[in-house]
Amino acid sequence: MKTIVLNERQINQKLDRIAYEIVENNFQDENIFLVGIKGNGFEIAQELGRRLEAIGQQKINVSELSIDKKSPLDHEISTSISLEHFDHQTIVLVDDVINSGRTMQYALIKLLERPTKRVKTVALVDRKHRSFPIRCDYVGLTLSTTLQDRIEVDLEGDKKAYLV
């Protein structure tokens, strides 16, 4: 049974709020790099990028980070923009759902191979089941669920987030 935890209107409200928080906390920066984890994380990063361009003065750069979520050490982690472009810049790492924090942890390790000015994290839904020391700076919705529960985010058509 699927239970809707966020409908399209709520997702849009959450993304608007996150975009305003990013602008408020990074108003002094000329550039912001949004790095979306492949899949829904990248789609959310693109949507945040559109919102940030509409409300802020910064140049927004959106990049996709490819990672094997099941075995991140067995495959190369790569970004669609060369890592050198991130040097001394503000980076915002974006994903749809944070569960254990593992995917975000390995993505952060990759991004921190270069000198950065600041790295912040975004998750549309934070489940609070941490195995890794990750805390999101910007969160749309925080849920306490059982370990058997899953959160699915559907961004096609009528956007929704489900508890499965």
N, C-alpha and C. Protein backbone atom coordinates (compact mmCIF):
# COMPACT_ATOMS: atom_id res chain seq x y z
N MET A 1 0.84 -1.19 0.00
CA MET A 1 0.00 0.00 0.00
C MET A 1 0.89 1.25 0.00
N LYS A 2 0.59 2.16 -0.89
CA LYS A 2 1.34 3.42 -0.97
C LYS A 2 0.56 4.52 -0.26
N THR A 3 1.26 5.25 0.60
CA THR A 3 0.69 6.39 1.29
C THR A 3 1.42 7.64 0.79
N ILE A 4 0.67 8.60 0.30
CA ILE A 4 1.28 9.84 -0.18
C ILE A 4 1.75 10.66 1.02
N VAL A 5 3.04 11.01 1.03
CA VAL A 5 3.56 11.86 2.10
C VAL A 5 3.77 13.30 1.60
N LEU A 6 3.94 13.46 0.29
CA LEU A 6 4.00 14.79 -0.32
C LEU A 6 3.31 14.75 -1.67
N ASN A 7 2.38 15.68 -1.89
CA ASN A 7 1.77 15.80 -3.21
C ASN A 7 2.51 16.87 -4.01
N GLU A 8 2.09 17.11 -5.24
CA GLU A 8 2.82 18.04 -6.10
C GLU A 8 2.89 19.45 -5.51
N ARG A 9 1.79 19.93 -4.97
CA ARG A 9 1.76 21.27 -4.38
C ARG A 9 2.76 21.35 -3.22
N GLN A 10 2.77 20.32 -2.37
CA GLN A 10 3.68 20.30 -1.24
C GLN A 10 5.14 20.20 -1.68
N ILE A 11 5.41 19.39 -2.69
CA ILE A 11 6.79 19.29 -3.21
C ILE A 11 7.24 20.64 -3.73
N ASN A 12 6.37 21.33 -4.47
CA ASN A 12 6.72 22.65 -4.99
C ASN A 12 6.97 23.65 -3.86
N GLN A 13 6.15 23.59 -2.80
CA GLN A 13 6.36 24.48 -1.65
C GLN A 13 7.70 24.18 -0.98
N LYS A 14 8.02 22.90 -0.83
CA LYS A 14 9.29 22.52 -0.20
C LYS A 14 10.47 23.00 -1.03
N LEU A 15 10.39 22.82 -2.36
CA LEU A 15 11.49 23.25 -3.23
C LEU A 15 11.63 24.77 -3.24
N ASP A 16 10.51 25.49 -3.20
CA ASP A 16 10.57 26.96 -3.10
C ASP A 16 11.29 27.38 -1.82
N ARG A 17 10.91 26.76 -0.69
CA ARG A 17 11.51 27.12 0.59
C ARG A 17 13.00 26.80 0.59
N ILE A 18 13.36 25.63 0.07
CA ILE A 18 14.79 25.26 0.02
C ILE A 18 15.56 26.25 -0.85
N ALA A 19 14.99 26.64 -1.99
CA ALA A 19 15.67 27.61 -2.87
C ALA A 19 15.90 28.93 -2.15
N TYR A 20 14.91 29.43 -1.43
CA TYR A 20 15.09 30.68 -0.70
C TYR A 20 16.14 30.54 0.40
N GLU A 21 16.17 29.40 1.08
CA GLU A 21 17.18 29.16 2.11
C GLU A 21 18.58 29.16 1.50
N ILE A 22 18.73 28.53 0.34
CA ILE A 22 20.04 28.49 -0.32
C ILE A 22 20.49 29.90 -0.68
N VAL A 23 19.59 30.71 -1.23
CA VAL A 23 19.94 32.09 -1.59
C VAL A 23 20.31 32.88 -0.34
N GLU A 24 19.51 32.75 0.73
CA GLU A 24 19.77 33.50 1.95
C GLU A 24 21.12 33.13 2.56
N ASN A 25 21.47 31.86 2.52
CA ASN A 25 22.71 31.41 3.15
C ASN A 25 23.94 31.55 2.27
N ASN A 26 23.75 31.88 0.99
CA ASN A 26 24.88 31.98 0.07
C ASN A 26 24.81 33.25 -0.77
N PHE A 27 24.21 34.30 -0.24
CA PHE A 27 23.99 35.52 -1.00
C PHE A 27 25.29 36.18 -1.45
N GLN A 28 26.38 35.95 -0.73
CA GLN A 28 27.65 36.60 -1.05
C GLN A 28 28.40 35.89 -2.18
N ASP A 29 27.97 34.70 -2.57
CA ASP A 29 28.67 33.93 -3.59
C ASP A 29 28.26 34.36 -5.00
N GLU A 30 29.24 34.39 -5.90
CA GLU A 30 28.94 34.69 -7.30
C GLU A 30 28.40 33.47 -8.03
N ASN A 31 28.89 32.29 -7.65
CA ASN A 31 28.51 31.04 -8.29
C ASN A 31 28.03 30.04 -7.25
N ILE A 32 27.04 29.25 -7.63
CA ILE A 32 26.61 28.11 -6.83
C ILE A 32 26.56 26.91 -7.76
N PHE A 33 27.19 25.83 -7.34
CA PHE A 33 27.17 24.59 -8.10
C PHE A 33 26.20 23.63 -7.44
N LEU A 34 25.13 23.30 -8.14
CA LEU A 34 24.19 22.28 -7.68
C LEU A 34 24.62 20.96 -8.29
N VAL A 35 24.90 19.97 -7.45
CA VAL A 35 25.33 18.66 -7.92
C VAL A 35 24.25 17.66 -7.51
N GLY A 36 23.50 17.19 -8.50
CA GLY A 36 22.42 16.25 -8.23
C GLY A 36 22.87 14.82 -8.44
N ILE A 37 22.54 13.96 -7.48
CA ILE A 37 22.87 12.54 -7.61
C ILE A 37 21.96 11.95 -8.69
N LYS A 38 22.58 11.21 -9.61
CA LYS A 38 21.91 10.69 -10.80
C LYS A 38 20.52 10.13 -10.46
N GLY A 39 19.57 10.45 -11.31
CA GLY A 39 18.18 10.04 -11.09
C GLY A 39 17.39 11.22 -10.56
N ASN A 40 16.59 10.98 -9.54
CA ASN A 40 15.75 12.04 -8.98
C ASN A 40 16.55 13.17 -8.36
N GLY A 41 17.72 12.87 -7.82
CA GLY A 41 18.55 13.93 -7.24
C GLY A 41 18.94 14.97 -8.28
N PHE A 42 19.28 14.50 -9.48
CA PHE A 42 19.63 15.41 -10.57
C PHE A 42 18.41 16.21 -11.03
N GLU A 43 17.25 15.55 -11.11
CA GLU A 43 16.03 16.27 -11.51
C GLU A 43 15.67 17.36 -10.49
N ILE A 44 15.82 17.05 -9.21
CA ILE A 44 15.55 18.05 -8.18
C ILE A 44 16.57 19.18 -8.26
N ALA A 45 17.83 18.86 -8.53
CA ALA A 45 18.86 19.90 -8.68
C ALA A 45 18.51 20.83 -9.85
N GLN A 46 18.05 20.26 -10.96
CA GLN A 46 17.66 21.09 -12.11
C GLN A 46 16.49 22.00 -11.74
N GLU A 47 15.52 21.47 -11.03
CA GLU A 47 14.37 22.28 -10.61
C GLU A 47 14.80 23.38 -9.64
N LEU A 48 15.66 23.04 -8.70
CA LEU A 48 16.18 24.06 -7.78
C LEU A 48 16.97 25.12 -8.55
N GLY A 49 17.72 24.69 -9.55
CA GLY A 49 18.48 25.63 -10.38
C GLY A 49 17.58 26.66 -11.04
N ARG A 50 16.46 26.20 -11.59
CA ARG A 50 15.50 27.14 -12.22
C ARG A 50 14.95 28.12 -11.19
N ARG A 51 14.65 27.63 -10.02
CA ARG A 51 14.11 28.51 -8.97
C ARG A 51 15.16 29.49 -8.47
N LEU A 52 16.40 29.03 -8.31
CA LEU A 52 17.47 29.91 -7.85
C LEU A 52 17.77 31.00 -8.86
N GLU A 53 17.75 30.68 -10.14
CA GLU A 53 18.00 31.69 -11.17
C GLU A 53 16.91 32.76 -11.15
N ALA A 54 15.69 32.38 -10.80
CA ALA A 54 14.57 33.33 -10.78
C ALA A 54 14.62 34.27 -9.57
N ILE A 55 15.19 33.80 -8.46
CA ILE A 55 15.14 34.62 -7.23
C ILE A 55 16.49 35.18 -6.79
N GLY A 56 17.59 34.63 -7.26
CA GLY A 56 18.90 35.06 -6.78
C GLY A 56 19.70 35.79 -7.84
N GLN A 57 20.86 36.26 -7.43
CA GLN A 57 21.77 36.98 -8.32
C GLN A 57 22.93 36.12 -8.79
N GLN A 58 23.08 34.92 -8.21
CA GLN A 58 24.22 34.07 -8.49
C GLN A 58 24.09 33.37 -9.84
N LYS A 59 25.25 32.99 -10.38
CA LYS A 59 25.26 32.12 -11.55
C LYS A 59 25.10 30.70 -11.02
N ILE A 60 24.12 30.00 -11.54
CA ILE A 60 23.81 28.64 -11.09
C ILE A 60 24.33 27.65 -12.12
N ASN A 61 25.11 26.69 -11.64
CA ASN A 61 25.66 25.63 -12.48
C ASN A 61 25.12 24.31 -11.96
N VAL A 62 24.51 23.51 -12.83
CA VAL A 62 23.94 22.23 -12.41
C VAL A 62 24.75 21.10 -13.01
N SER A 63 25.14 20.16 -12.16
CA SER A 63 25.93 19.02 -12.58
C SER A 63 25.29 17.73 -12.08
N GLU A 64 25.52 16.65 -12.82
CA GLU A 64 25.00 15.35 -12.42
C GLU A 64 26.15 14.51 -11.88
N LEU A 65 25.96 13.88 -10.73
CA LEU A 65 26.94 13.00 -10.14
C LEU A 65 26.47 11.56 -10.32
N SER A 66 27.28 10.75 -10.97
CA SER A 66 26.93 9.34 -11.21
C SER A 66 27.63 8.48 -10.17
N ILE A 67 26.85 7.65 -9.49
CA ILE A 67 27.36 6.78 -8.44
C ILE A 67 26.55 5.50 -8.43
N ASP A 68 27.21 4.39 -8.17
CA ASP A 68 26.52 3.12 -7.99
C ASP A 68 26.08 3.07 -6.52
N LYS A 69 24.79 3.24 -6.29
CA LYS A 69 24.28 3.36 -4.93
C LYS A 69 24.45 2.07 -4.12
N LYS A 70 24.43 0.94 -4.78
CA LYS A 70 24.55 -0.34 -4.06
C LYS A 70 26.00 -0.66 -3.69
N SER A 71 26.95 -0.34 -4.58
CA SER A 71 28.36 -0.61 -4.29
C SER A 71 29.22 0.54 -4.82
N PRO A 72 29.24 1.66 -4.08
CA PRO A 72 29.93 2.86 -4.58
C PRO A 72 31.44 2.72 -4.75
N LEU A 73 32.05 1.79 -4.05
CA LEU A 73 33.50 1.65 -4.18
C LEU A 73 33.91 0.78 -5.36
N ASP A 74 32.96 0.06 -5.93
CA ASP A 74 33.27 -0.84 -7.05
C ASP A 74 33.25 -0.16 -8.41
N HIS A 75 32.72 1.05 -8.47
CA HIS A 75 32.61 1.78 -9.74
C HIS A 75 33.05 3.21 -9.54
N GLU A 76 33.51 3.81 -10.61
CA GLU A 76 33.96 5.20 -10.53
C GLU A 76 32.79 6.13 -10.25
N ILE A 77 33.03 7.11 -9.42
CA ILE A 77 32.07 8.18 -9.17
C ILE A 77 32.50 9.35 -10.04
N SER A 78 31.57 9.87 -10.84
CA SER A 78 31.94 10.94 -11.77
C SER A 78 30.88 12.04 -11.78
N THR A 79 31.30 13.20 -12.26
CA THR A 79 30.39 14.33 -12.39
C THR A 79 30.37 14.80 -13.84
N SER A 80 29.26 15.38 -14.26
CA SER A 80 29.14 15.84 -15.64
C SER A 80 29.94 17.12 -15.90
N ILE A 81 30.33 17.80 -14.84
CA ILE A 81 31.23 18.96 -14.93
C ILE A 81 32.54 18.52 -14.29
N SER A 82 33.64 18.84 -14.90
CA SER A 82 34.95 18.48 -14.36
C SER A 82 35.10 19.01 -12.92
N LEU A 83 35.66 18.18 -12.07
CA LEU A 83 35.83 18.56 -10.65
C LEU A 83 36.64 19.84 -10.47
N GLU A 84 37.53 20.15 -11.40
CA GLU A 84 38.34 21.37 -11.28
C GLU A 84 37.46 22.62 -11.25
N HIS A 85 36.30 22.57 -11.89
CA HIS A 85 35.40 23.72 -11.89
C HIS A 85 34.83 24.02 -10.49
N PHE A 86 34.84 23.03 -9.61
CA PHE A 86 34.31 23.19 -8.26
C PHE A 86 35.32 23.84 -7.31
N ASP A 87 36.58 24.01 -7.76
CA ASP A 87 37.62 24.55 -6.88
C ASP A 87 37.21 25.90 -6.29
N HIS A 88 37.25 25.98 -4.96
CA HIS A 88 36.99 27.21 -4.21
C HIS A 88 35.59 27.76 -4.48
N GLN A 89 34.64 26.87 -4.74
CA GLN A 89 33.26 27.28 -5.02
C GLN A 89 32.31 26.70 -3.96
N THR A 90 31.10 27.23 -3.93
CA THR A 90 30.06 26.68 -3.07
C THR A 90 29.34 25.58 -3.84
N ILE A 91 29.28 24.41 -3.21
CA ILE A 91 28.65 23.24 -3.83
C ILE A 91 27.46 22.84 -2.98
N VAL A 92 26.34 22.54 -3.63
CA VAL A 92 25.16 22.03 -2.95
C VAL A 92 24.86 20.66 -3.55
N LEU A 93 25.03 19.63 -2.74
CA LEU A 93 24.79 18.24 -3.17
C LEU A 93 23.33 17.90 -2.92
N VAL A 94 22.64 17.39 -3.96
CA VAL A 94 21.19 17.20 -3.91
C VAL A 94 20.82 15.74 -4.16
N ASP A 95 19.91 15.21 -3.33
CA ASP A 95 19.32 13.89 -3.57
C ASP A 95 17.84 13.94 -3.18
N ASP A 96 17.09 12.95 -3.65
CA ASP A 96 15.66 12.96 -3.36
C ASP A 96 15.36 12.46 -1.95
N VAL A 97 15.94 11.31 -1.56
CA VAL A 97 15.67 10.72 -0.25
C VAL A 97 17.00 10.36 0.39
N ILE A 98 17.12 10.65 1.68
CA ILE A 98 18.31 10.21 2.41
C ILE A 98 17.86 9.14 3.40
N ASN A 99 18.45 7.97 3.26
CA ASN A 99 18.13 6.85 4.15
C ASN A 99 19.27 6.65 5.13
N SER A 100 20.21 5.82 4.78
CA SER A 100 21.35 5.54 5.66
C SER A 100 22.39 6.64 5.60
N GLY A 101 22.41 7.40 4.52
CA GLY A 101 23.43 8.44 4.32
C GLY A 101 24.61 7.95 3.51
N ARG A 102 24.60 6.68 3.12
CA ARG A 102 25.73 6.09 2.42
C ARG A 102 26.01 6.74 1.06
N THR A 103 25.00 6.88 0.23
CA THR A 103 25.19 7.48 -1.09
C THR A 103 25.72 8.90 -0.96
N MET A 104 25.12 9.67 -0.06
CA MET A 104 25.54 11.06 0.14
C MET A 104 26.97 11.10 0.67
N GLN A 105 27.33 10.20 1.56
CA GLN A 105 28.68 10.15 2.13
C GLN A 105 29.73 9.93 1.04
N TYR A 106 29.52 8.93 0.18
CA TYR A 106 30.49 8.64 -0.87
C TYR A 106 30.52 9.75 -1.92
N ALA A 107 29.38 10.37 -2.19
CA ALA A 107 29.36 11.50 -3.11
C ALA A 107 30.16 12.67 -2.54
N LEU A 108 30.00 12.93 -1.25
CA LEU A 108 30.76 14.01 -0.60
C LEU A 108 32.26 13.74 -0.64
N ILE A 109 32.64 12.49 -0.41
CA ILE A 109 34.07 12.15 -0.46
C ILE A 109 34.65 12.51 -1.83
N LYS A 110 33.90 12.20 -2.89
CA LYS A 110 34.35 12.52 -4.25
C LYS A 110 34.48 14.04 -4.43
N LEU A 111 33.48 14.78 -4.00
CA LEU A 111 33.50 16.24 -4.17
C LEU A 111 34.62 16.89 -3.37
N LEU A 112 34.97 16.29 -2.24
CA LEU A 112 36.00 16.88 -1.39
C LEU A 112 37.42 16.51 -1.80
N GLU A 113 37.57 15.84 -2.94
CA GLU A 113 38.90 15.59 -3.47
C GLU A 113 39.55 16.89 -3.94
N ARG A 114 38.78 17.90 -4.16
CA ARG A 114 39.25 19.20 -4.62
C ARG A 114 39.00 20.22 -3.51
N PRO A 115 39.75 21.33 -3.53
CA PRO A 115 39.51 22.37 -2.51
C PRO A 115 38.18 23.08 -2.79
N THR A 116 37.30 23.10 -1.83
CA THR A 116 36.00 23.75 -2.00
C THR A 116 35.87 24.90 -1.01
N LYS A 117 35.00 25.82 -1.31
CA LYS A 117 34.72 26.92 -0.39
C LYS A 117 33.76 26.43 0.69
N ARG A 118 32.70 25.72 0.24
CA ARG A 118 31.66 25.27 1.15
C ARG A 118 30.88 24.17 0.45
N VAL A 119 30.45 23.16 1.22
CA VAL A 119 29.59 22.11 0.68
C VAL A 119 28.38 21.98 1.58
N LYS A 120 27.21 22.06 0.99
CA LYS A 120 25.95 21.90 1.70
C LYS A 120 25.18 20.75 1.07
N THR A 121 24.20 20.22 1.79
CA THR A 121 23.44 19.07 1.30
C THR A 121 21.95 19.36 1.34
N VAL A 122 21.25 18.77 0.35
CA VAL A 122 19.80 18.90 0.22
C VAL A 122 19.19 17.52 0.05
N ALA A 123 18.06 17.29 0.73
CA ALA A 123 17.25 16.10 0.49
C ALA A 123 15.79 16.51 0.55
N LEU A 124 15.01 16.06 -0.43
CA LEU A 124 13.58 16.34 -0.39
C LEU A 124 12.95 15.65 0.81
N VAL A 125 13.34 14.38 1.05
CA VAL A 125 12.83 13.63 2.20
C VAL A 125 14.00 13.04 2.97
N ASP A 126 14.01 13.25 4.27
CA ASP A 126 15.04 12.71 5.16
C ASP A 126 14.39 11.69 6.08
N ARG A 127 14.85 10.43 5.99
CA ARG A 127 14.24 9.35 6.76
C ARG A 127 14.82 9.14 8.14
N LYS A 128 15.93 9.71 8.46
CA LYS A 128 16.54 9.63 9.78
C LYS A 128 17.04 8.23 10.15
N HIS A 129 17.36 7.39 9.18
CA HIS A 129 17.94 6.08 9.46
C HIS A 129 19.42 6.13 9.10
N ARG A 130 20.23 6.72 9.96
CA ARG A 130 21.62 6.95 9.64
C ARG A 130 22.52 5.77 10.00
N SER A 131 23.32 5.36 9.04
CA SER A 131 24.44 4.46 9.29
C SER A 131 25.74 5.23 9.11
N PHE A 132 25.63 6.38 8.43
CA PHE A 132 26.78 7.22 8.13
C PHE A 132 26.52 8.60 8.73
N PRO A 133 27.58 9.34 9.08
CA PRO A 133 27.43 10.63 9.78
C PRO A 133 27.07 11.77 8.83
N ILE A 134 25.90 11.70 8.27
CA ILE A 134 25.44 12.72 7.33
C ILE A 134 24.25 13.46 7.94
N ARG A 135 24.28 14.77 7.81
CA ARG A 135 23.16 15.61 8.22
C ARG A 135 22.88 16.55 7.06
N CYS A 136 21.65 16.60 6.65
CA CYS A 136 21.30 17.49 5.53
C CYS A 136 21.10 18.91 6.04
N ASP A 137 21.63 19.85 5.25
CA ASP A 137 21.49 21.26 5.60
C ASP A 137 20.11 21.80 5.23
N TYR A 138 19.55 21.29 4.14
CA TYR A 138 18.24 21.73 3.67
C TYR A 138 17.39 20.50 3.42
N VAL A 139 16.25 20.42 4.11
CA VAL A 139 15.38 19.24 4.02
C VAL A 139 13.95 19.70 3.78
N GLY A 140 13.29 19.03 2.83
CA GLY A 140 11.88 19.32 2.59
C GLY A 140 10.99 18.73 3.66
N LEU A 141 11.15 17.43 3.96
CA LEU A 141 10.32 16.73 4.93
C LEU A 141 11.17 15.70 5.66
N THR A 142 11.06 15.68 6.98
CA THR A 142 11.74 14.68 7.80
C THR A 142 10.71 13.68 8.30
N LEU A 143 10.99 12.40 8.09
CA LEU A 143 10.07 11.33 8.52
C LEU A 143 10.80 10.34 9.40
N SER A 144 10.11 9.87 10.42
CA SER A 144 10.60 8.74 11.19
C SER A 144 9.79 7.53 10.73
N THR A 145 10.46 6.58 10.13
CA THR A 145 9.79 5.40 9.59
C THR A 145 10.47 4.15 10.16
N THR A 146 9.88 3.00 9.88
CA THR A 146 10.54 1.76 10.26
C THR A 146 11.57 1.43 9.20
N LEU A 147 12.49 0.54 9.53
CA LEU A 147 13.51 0.14 8.57
C LEU A 147 12.92 -0.59 7.37
N GLN A 148 11.73 -1.18 7.54
CA GLN A 148 11.08 -1.90 6.44
C GLN A 148 10.39 -0.96 5.46
N ASP A 149 10.07 0.24 5.91
CA ASP A 149 9.41 1.22 5.04
C ASP A 149 10.38 1.78 4.02
N ARG A 150 9.85 2.17 2.89
CA ARG A 150 10.63 2.79 1.82
C ARG A 150 9.93 4.07 1.39
N ILE A 151 10.70 5.03 1.00
CA ILE A 151 10.15 6.26 0.43
C ILE A 151 10.48 6.26 -1.05
N GLU A 152 9.49 6.48 -1.89
CA GLU A 152 9.68 6.60 -3.33
C GLU A 152 9.23 7.99 -3.76
N VAL A 153 10.04 8.64 -4.56
CA VAL A 153 9.69 9.95 -5.10
C VAL A 153 9.47 9.79 -6.59
N ASP A 154 8.29 10.20 -7.04
CA ASP A 154 7.93 10.12 -8.46
C ASP A 154 7.82 11.55 -8.99
N LEU A 155 8.75 11.91 -9.87
CA LEU A 155 8.78 13.27 -10.41
C LEU A 155 8.21 13.36 -11.82
N GLU A 156 7.69 12.26 -12.32
CA GLU A 156 7.07 12.24 -13.66
C GLU A 156 5.61 12.64 -13.54
N GLY A 157 5.18 13.56 -14.39
CA GLY A 157 3.77 13.97 -14.39
C GLY A 157 3.40 14.64 -13.09
N ASP A 158 2.41 14.10 -12.40
CA ASP A 158 1.94 14.63 -11.11
C ASP A 158 2.91 14.19 -10.03
N LYS A 159 3.78 15.08 -9.60
CA LYS A 159 4.85 14.76 -8.65
C LYS A 159 4.26 14.30 -7.31
N LYS A 160 4.87 13.22 -6.76
CA LYS A 160 4.45 12.72 -5.46
C LYS A 160 5.61 12.03 -4.77
N ALA A 161 5.54 12.00 -3.45
CA ALA A 161 6.44 11.18 -2.64
C ALA A 161 5.56 10.23 -1.85
N TYR A 162 5.93 8.95 -1.90
CA TYR A 162 5.14 7.90 -1.28
C TYR A 162 5.92 7.21 -0.16
N LEU A 163 5.17 6.77 0.85
CA LEU A 163 5.68 5.83 1.84
C LEU A 163 5.18 4.46 1.40
N VAL A 164 6.10 3.53 1.16
CA VAL A 164 5.73 2.21 0.67
C VAL A 164 6.05 1.17 1.73
